């Protein structure tokens, strides 16, 4: 993991701990457990998104470029039976 990723994790953890300390007096213990689990899932999702963006190609068209233009054009065509219905 890059240094930026490590700094991001530290920042998110620090922010989470500050918010949890501020809410400790107001939130019941069962809700605190739920919020901690939700925070953990959110951090995991954010890190996966970050890592995906860092490791993908700059154009972001790695998979789409692999399909041939002819196949893409064939998918765009409408079937012969699909057309406008005349309205009187």
C-alpha atoms as a PDB file:
ATOM      1  CA  UNK A   1       0.000   0.000   0.000  1.00  0.00           C
ATOM      2  CA  UNK A   2       1.230   3.471  -0.802  1.00  0.00           C
ATOM      3  CA  UNK A   3       2.138   6.097   1.751  1.00  0.00           C
ATOM      4  CA  UNK A   4      -0.949   8.106   0.758  1.00  0.00           C
ATOM      5  CA  UNK A   5      -3.123   5.087   1.510  1.00  0.00           C
ATOM      6  CA  UNK A   6      -1.578   4.689   4.934  1.00  0.00           C
ATOM      7  CA  UNK A   7      -2.101   8.381   5.694  1.00  0.00           C
ATOM      8  CA  UNK A   8      -5.726   8.095   4.577  1.00  0.00           C
ATOM      9  CA  UNK A   9      -6.293   5.141   6.916  1.00  0.00           C
ATOM     10  CA  UNK A  10      -4.739   7.056   9.820  1.00  0.00           C
ATOM     11  CA  UNK A  11      -6.894  10.098   9.079  1.00  0.00           C
ATOM     12  CA  UNK A  12     -10.125   8.090   8.883  1.00  0.00           C
ATOM     13  CA  UNK A  13      -9.307   6.203  12.091  1.00  0.00           C
ATOM     14  CA  UNK A  14      -8.530   9.443  13.924  1.00  0.00           C
ATOM     15  CA  UNK A  15     -11.744  11.031  12.697  1.00  0.00           C
ATOM     16  CA  UNK A  16     -13.734   7.958  13.729  1.00  0.00           C
ATOM     17  CA  UNK A  17     -12.229   7.891  17.197  1.00  0.00           C
ATOM     18  CA  UNK A  18     -12.940  11.594  17.750  1.00  0.00           C
ATOM     19  CA  UNK A  19     -16.558  11.208  16.672  1.00  0.00           C
ATOM     20  CA  UNK A  20     -17.016   8.104  18.834  1.00  0.00           C
ATOM     21  CA  UNK A  21     -15.605   9.886  21.908  1.00  0.00           C
ATOM     22  CA  UNK A  22     -17.952  12.809  21.309  1.00  0.00           C
ATOM     23  CA  UNK A  23     -21.001  10.547  21.000  1.00  0.00           C
ATOM     24  CA  UNK A  24     -20.161   8.139  23.840  1.00  0.00           C
ATOM     25  CA  UNK A  25     -22.316   9.971  26.377  1.00  0.00           C
ATOM     26  CA  UNK A  26     -25.328  10.339  24.092  1.00  0.00           C
ATOM     27  CA  UNK A  27     -25.478   6.958  22.299  1.00  0.00           C
ATOM     28  CA  UNK A  28     -26.508   3.705  24.022  1.00  0.00           C
ATOM     29  CA  UNK A  29     -23.903   0.883  24.088  1.00  0.00           C
ATOM     30  CA  UNK A  30     -25.824  -1.336  21.635  1.00  0.00           C
ATOM     31  CA  UNK A  31     -26.000   1.503  19.131  1.00  0.00           C
ATOM     32  CA  UNK A  32     -22.290   2.197  19.631  1.00  0.00           C
ATOM     33  CA  UNK A  33     -21.471  -1.379  18.608  1.00  0.00           C
ATOM     34  CA  UNK A  34     -23.647  -0.982  15.518  1.00  0.00           C
ATOM     35  CA  UNK A  35     -21.990   2.327  14.619  1.00  0.00           C
ATOM     36  CA  UNK A  36     -18.494   0.870  15.058  1.00  0.00           C
ATOM     37  CA  UNK A  37     -19.361  -2.019  12.729  1.00  0.00           C
ATOM     38  CA  UNK A  38     -20.810   0.394  10.176  1.00  0.00           C
ATOM     39  CA  UNK A  39     -17.688   2.560  10.437  1.00  0.00           C
ATOM     40  CA  UNK A  40     -15.483  -0.469   9.838  1.00  0.00           C
ATOM     41  CA  UNK A  41     -17.502  -1.416   6.733  1.00  0.00           C
ATOM     42  CA  UNK A  42     -17.352   2.151   5.430  1.00  0.00           C
ATOM     43  CA  UNK A  43     -13.587   2.347   5.892  1.00  0.00           C
ATOM     44  CA  UNK A  44     -13.170  -0.978   4.102  1.00  0.00           C
ATOM     45  CA  UNK A  45     -15.325   0.188   1.190  1.00  0.00           C
ATOM     46  CA  UNK A  46     -13.473   3.500   0.915  1.00  0.00           C
ATOM     47  CA  UNK A  47     -10.103   1.765   0.911  1.00  0.00           C
ATOM     48  CA  UNK A  48     -11.229  -0.666  -1.793  1.00  0.00           C
ATOM     49  CA  UNK A  49     -12.437   2.227  -3.932  1.00  0.00           C
ATOM     50  CA  UNK A  50      -9.175   4.098  -3.354  1.00  0.00           C
ATOM     51  CA  UNK A  51      -7.019   1.076  -4.202  1.00  0.00           C
ATOM     52  CA  UNK A  52      -9.086   0.378  -7.314  1.00  0.00           C
ATOM     53  CA  UNK A  53      -8.654   3.937  -8.561  1.00  0.00           C
ATOM     54  CA  UNK A  54      -4.936   3.921  -7.857  1.00  0.00           C
ATOM     55  CA  UNK A  55      -4.281   0.586  -9.585  1.00  0.00           C
ATOM     56  CA  UNK A  56      -6.446   1.032 -12.717  1.00  0.00           C
ATOM     57  CA  UNK A  57      -5.130   2.358 -16.008  1.00  0.00           C
ATOM     58  CA  UNK A  58      -5.297   6.133 -16.534  1.00  0.00           C
ATOM     59  CA  UNK A  59      -7.859   5.840 -19.335  1.00  0.00           C
ATOM     60  CA  UNK A  60     -10.008   3.490 -17.320  1.00  0.00           C
ATOM     61  CA  UNK A  61     -11.005   1.625 -20.470  1.00  0.00           C
ATOM     62  CA  UNK A  62      -9.106  -1.594 -19.903  1.00  0.00           C
ATOM     63  CA  UNK A  63     -12.020  -3.966 -20.340  1.00  0.00           C
ATOM     64  CA  UNK A  64     -14.068  -1.987 -22.827  1.00  0.00           C
ATOM     65  CA  UNK A  65     -11.192  -1.678 -25.254  1.00  0.00           C
ATOM     66  CA  UNK A  66     -10.925  -5.471 -25.392  1.00  0.00           C
ATOM     67  CA  UNK A  67     -14.312  -5.826 -27.137  1.00  0.00           C
ATOM     68  CA  UNK A  68     -14.234  -5.453 -30.876  1.00  0.00           C
ATOM     69  CA  UNK A  69     -16.034  -2.499 -32.471  1.00  0.00           C
ATOM     70  CA  UNK A  70     -17.995  -4.872 -34.689  1.00  0.00           C
ATOM     71  CA  UNK A  71     -19.537  -6.651 -31.703  1.00  0.00           C
ATOM     72  CA  UNK A  72     -20.374  -3.342 -30.041  1.00  0.00           C
ATOM     73  CA  UNK A  73     -22.099  -2.129 -33.223  1.00  0.00           C
ATOM     74  CA  UNK A  74     -24.075  -5.366 -33.452  1.00  0.00           C
ATOM     75  CA  UNK A  75     -25.365  -4.835 -29.928  1.00  0.00           C
ATOM     76  CA  UNK A  76     -26.517  -1.305 -30.714  1.00  0.00           C
ATOM     77  CA  UNK A  77     -28.661  -2.339 -33.655  1.00  0.00           C
ATOM     78  CA  UNK A  78     -32.360  -2.624 -33.006  1.00  0.00           C
ATOM     79  CA  UNK A  79     -34.105  -5.805 -34.135  1.00  0.00           C
ATOM     80  CA  UNK A  80     -36.067  -5.620 -37.395  1.00  0.00           C
ATOM     81  CA  UNK A  81     -39.389  -6.119 -35.614  1.00  0.00           C
ATOM     82  CA  UNK A  82     -38.794  -3.177 -33.297  1.00  0.00           C
ATOM     83  CA  UNK A  83     -39.944  -0.043 -35.011  1.00  0.00           C
ATOM     84  CA  UNK A  84     -42.329   2.820 -34.761  1.00  0.00           C
ATOM     85  CA  UNK A  85     -45.991   1.970 -34.582  1.00  0.00           C
ATOM     86  CA  UNK A  86     -48.065   4.150 -36.900  1.00  0.00           C
ATOM     87  CA  UNK A  87     -50.674   6.194 -35.045  1.00  0.00           C
ATOM     88  CA  UNK A  88     -53.787   7.291 -36.894  1.00  0.00           C
END
